[in-house]
Amino acid sequence: MTPEQFNKHLAQMKMKISKAISSDIPKLAGNEAARLFRKNFQEEGFFGKRWKDVNRRRVVSVKTKSRKIKYRTRAKGADGRRKILTGRTANLGRSIKVKVRVGGATVYSDLPYSAAHNEGTNNAGRGHNTKIPKRQFIGKQKVLDKAIKDKIETALNKIFNT
């Protein structure tokens, strides 16, 4: 490799690294975070920490006409089996979005009730007296940091090994 070829190669590497840092890596990191946050809904917890169960899935005993005790969930049909925080529409899990900017990305949910579920609250509902326990689905976590770090390392290795 001649000095001119080496300088050209270095200039190309500089451009690739600059592009990766400003746009590719933030997009990669944001998408990985959003994927893992959506996965929390399927696992009904936040990276292995289970959410508190919802009242509709709690089992209650019901006396039948023949005086037998029958056990069922408080909600009837699919509502009694549906995953926590999915509801009938699963809008909360699908509302997780990524906004990429130069040098960074933001992962968020734009639904008005997402913060109440993610952080918990004592004043939800129309009368502001409904308690919602914290069922975090977005936030910092070591597992997330490691997954993003692995993605970044893979992306940078592709640049340096070409």
Protein backbone atom coordinates (compact mmCIF):
# COMPACT_ATOMS: atom_id res chain seq x y z
CA MET A 1 0.00 0.00 0.00
CA THR A 2 1.43 3.32 -1.05
CA PRO A 3 1.31 6.38 1.23
CA GLU A 4 -1.37 7.90 -1.04
CA GLN A 5 -3.50 4.75 -0.83
CA PHE A 6 -3.04 4.67 2.93
CA ASN A 7 -4.13 8.32 3.26
CA LYS A 8 -7.17 7.60 1.05
CA HIS A 9 -8.03 4.57 3.18
CA LEU A 10 -7.75 6.64 6.39
CA ALA A 11 -10.00 9.35 4.93
CA GLN A 12 -12.62 6.72 4.03
CA MET A 13 -12.41 5.20 7.52
CA LYS A 14 -12.85 8.68 9.05
CA MET A 15 -15.98 9.26 6.97
CA LYS A 16 -17.43 5.85 7.87
CA ILE A 17 -16.76 6.38 11.59
CA SER A 18 -18.22 9.89 11.50
CA LYS A 19 -21.40 8.61 9.80
CA ALA A 20 -21.65 5.72 12.24
CA ILE A 21 -21.34 7.98 15.28
CA SER A 22 -23.75 10.64 14.03
CA SER A 23 -26.53 8.50 12.56
CA ASP A 24 -26.03 4.73 12.23
CA ILE A 25 -25.20 3.89 15.85
CA PRO A 26 -27.94 6.07 17.42
CA LYS A 27 -30.50 4.45 15.09
CA LEU A 28 -29.15 0.99 15.90
CA ALA A 29 -29.18 1.67 19.67
CA GLY A 30 -32.68 3.20 19.61
CA ASN A 31 -34.14 0.31 17.62
CA GLU A 32 -32.53 -2.27 19.91
CA ALA A 33 -33.89 -0.50 23.00
CA ALA A 34 -37.39 -0.29 21.50
CA ARG A 35 -37.25 -3.99 20.56
CA LEU A 36 -36.29 -4.97 24.12
CA PHE A 37 -38.93 -2.68 25.65
CA ARG A 38 -41.62 -4.26 23.43
CA LYS A 39 -40.35 -7.66 24.50
CA ASN A 40 -41.09 -6.66 28.13
CA PHE A 41 -44.80 -6.75 27.27
CA GLN A 42 -44.56 -10.34 26.06
CA GLU A 43 -42.62 -11.37 29.18
CA GLU A 44 -44.96 -9.38 31.48
CA GLY A 45 -42.10 -7.73 33.33
CA PHE A 46 -39.10 -5.44 33.10
CA PHE A 47 -36.04 -7.49 32.11
CA GLY A 48 -36.93 -10.43 34.34
CA LYS A 49 -38.66 -8.52 37.17
CA ARG A 50 -42.33 -9.57 36.95
CA TRP A 51 -45.06 -6.95 37.03
CA LYS A 52 -47.71 -7.05 39.74
CA ASP A 53 -50.65 -9.06 38.45
CA VAL A 54 -53.81 -7.24 37.40
CA ASN A 55 -57.13 -7.63 39.26
CA ARG A 56 -58.95 -8.98 36.22
CA ARG A 57 -56.75 -12.11 36.26
CA ARG A 58 -57.12 -12.87 39.95
CA VAL A 59 -59.01 -16.06 40.71
CA VAL A 60 -62.24 -15.77 42.69
CA SER A 61 -64.65 -18.41 43.92
CA VAL A 62 -68.23 -18.31 42.70
CA LYS A 63 -71.16 -20.33 44.05
CA THR A 64 -73.27 -21.91 41.37
CA LYS A 65 -76.99 -22.70 41.52
CA SER A 66 -76.19 -26.26 42.49
CA ARG A 67 -74.20 -24.91 45.49
CA LYS A 68 -70.86 -25.94 44.08
CA ILE A 69 -67.92 -23.61 44.33
CA LYS A 70 -66.42 -22.78 40.98
CA TYR A 71 -63.14 -20.92 40.50
CA ARG A 72 -62.65 -18.46 37.66
CA THR A 73 -60.90 -15.20 36.96
CA ARG A 74 -62.64 -11.95 37.81
CA ALA A 75 -62.92 -11.08 34.12
CA LYS A 76 -64.78 -13.32 31.73
CA GLY A 77 -63.42 -14.77 28.50
CA ALA A 78 -60.20 -13.53 26.96
CA ASP A 79 -59.98 -10.62 29.42
CA GLY A 80 -59.18 -13.11 32.17
CA ARG A 81 -56.25 -14.59 30.25
CA ARG A 82 -54.85 -11.55 28.45
CA LYS A 83 -51.31 -10.45 29.28
CA ILE A 84 -50.71 -7.60 31.71
CA LEU A 85 -50.76 -4.08 30.15
CA THR A 86 -51.87 -5.36 26.76
CA GLY A 87 -55.59 -4.70 27.10
CA ARG A 88 -57.89 -5.44 24.21
CA THR A 89 -55.91 -3.32 21.75
CA ALA A 90 -52.27 -3.74 22.90
CA ASN A 91 -51.83 -0.05 22.11
CA LEU A 92 -49.40 0.61 24.97
CA GLY A 93 -46.83 -1.89 23.76
CA ARG A 94 -47.23 -0.77 20.16
CA SER A 95 -46.87 2.90 21.12
CA ILE A 96 -43.12 2.62 21.80
CA LYS A 97 -41.35 4.84 19.30
CA VAL A 98 -37.78 5.86 18.50
CA LYS A 99 -36.72 9.39 17.62
CA VAL A 100 -33.21 9.50 16.16
CA ARG A 101 -31.17 12.69 16.09
CA VAL A 102 -27.53 13.41 15.32
CA GLY A 103 -25.47 11.60 17.93
CA GLY A 104 -28.39 10.12 19.90
CA ALA A 105 -31.80 8.54 20.06
CA THR A 106 -34.83 8.81 22.33
CA VAL A 107 -37.19 5.90 23.00
CA TYR A 108 -40.63 6.91 24.26
CA SER A 109 -44.34 6.21 24.35
CA ASP A 110 -46.64 9.07 23.37
CA LEU A 111 -49.81 7.73 25.00
CA PRO A 112 -51.14 9.92 27.83
CA TYR A 113 -51.38 6.98 30.26
CA SER A 114 -47.97 5.43 29.52
CA ALA A 115 -46.18 7.39 32.27
CA ALA A 116 -48.79 6.33 34.84
CA HIS A 117 -48.16 2.65 34.08
CA ASN A 118 -44.38 3.00 33.72
CA GLU A 119 -43.90 4.96 36.96
CA GLY A 120 -47.05 4.16 38.94
CA THR A 121 -49.47 6.74 40.35
CA ASN A 122 -52.05 7.30 43.07
CA ASN A 123 -54.26 9.75 41.17
CA ALA A 124 -55.29 8.15 37.88
CA GLY A 125 -58.72 7.85 36.33
CA ARG A 126 -61.58 10.27 35.95
CA GLY A 127 -61.93 10.91 39.68
CA HIS A 128 -58.14 10.97 40.18
CA ASN A 129 -58.42 8.38 42.94
CA THR A 130 -57.36 5.20 41.13
CA LYS A 131 -54.05 3.68 42.14
CA ILE A 132 -51.92 2.18 39.37
CA PRO A 133 -48.91 0.16 40.54
CA LYS A 134 -45.55 0.70 38.87
CA ARG A 135 -45.17 -1.66 35.92
CA GLN A 136 -42.05 -0.29 34.29
CA PHE A 137 -41.53 -1.12 30.63
CA ILE A 138 -39.16 1.70 29.57
CA GLY A 139 -36.04 2.74 31.45
CA LYS A 140 -32.39 2.10 32.19
CA GLN A 141 -31.23 -1.46 32.77
CA LYS A 142 -27.87 -3.26 32.67
CA VAL A 143 -29.23 -5.88 30.24
CA LEU A 144 -30.23 -3.08 27.88
CA ASP A 145 -26.84 -1.38 28.17
CA LYS A 146 -25.05 -4.64 27.36
CA ALA A 147 -27.28 -5.37 24.36
CA ILE A 148 -26.69 -1.88 22.95
CA LYS A 149 -22.94 -2.12 23.62
CA ASP A 150 -22.82 -5.43 21.72
CA LYS A 151 -24.66 -3.89 18.76
CA ILE A 152 -22.28 -0.91 18.70
CA GLU A 153 -19.22 -3.16 18.86
CA THR A 154 -20.54 -5.25 15.97
CA ALA A 155 -21.18 -2.14 13.88
CA LEU A 156 -17.71 -0.72 14.58
CA ASN A 157 -16.04 -4.07 13.89
CA LYS A 158 -17.68 -4.10 10.46
CA ILE A 159 -16.13 -0.70 9.74
CA PHE A 160 -12.65 -1.62 10.95
CA ASN A 161 -12.59 -5.07 9.33
CA THR A 162 -13.41 -3.87 5.82
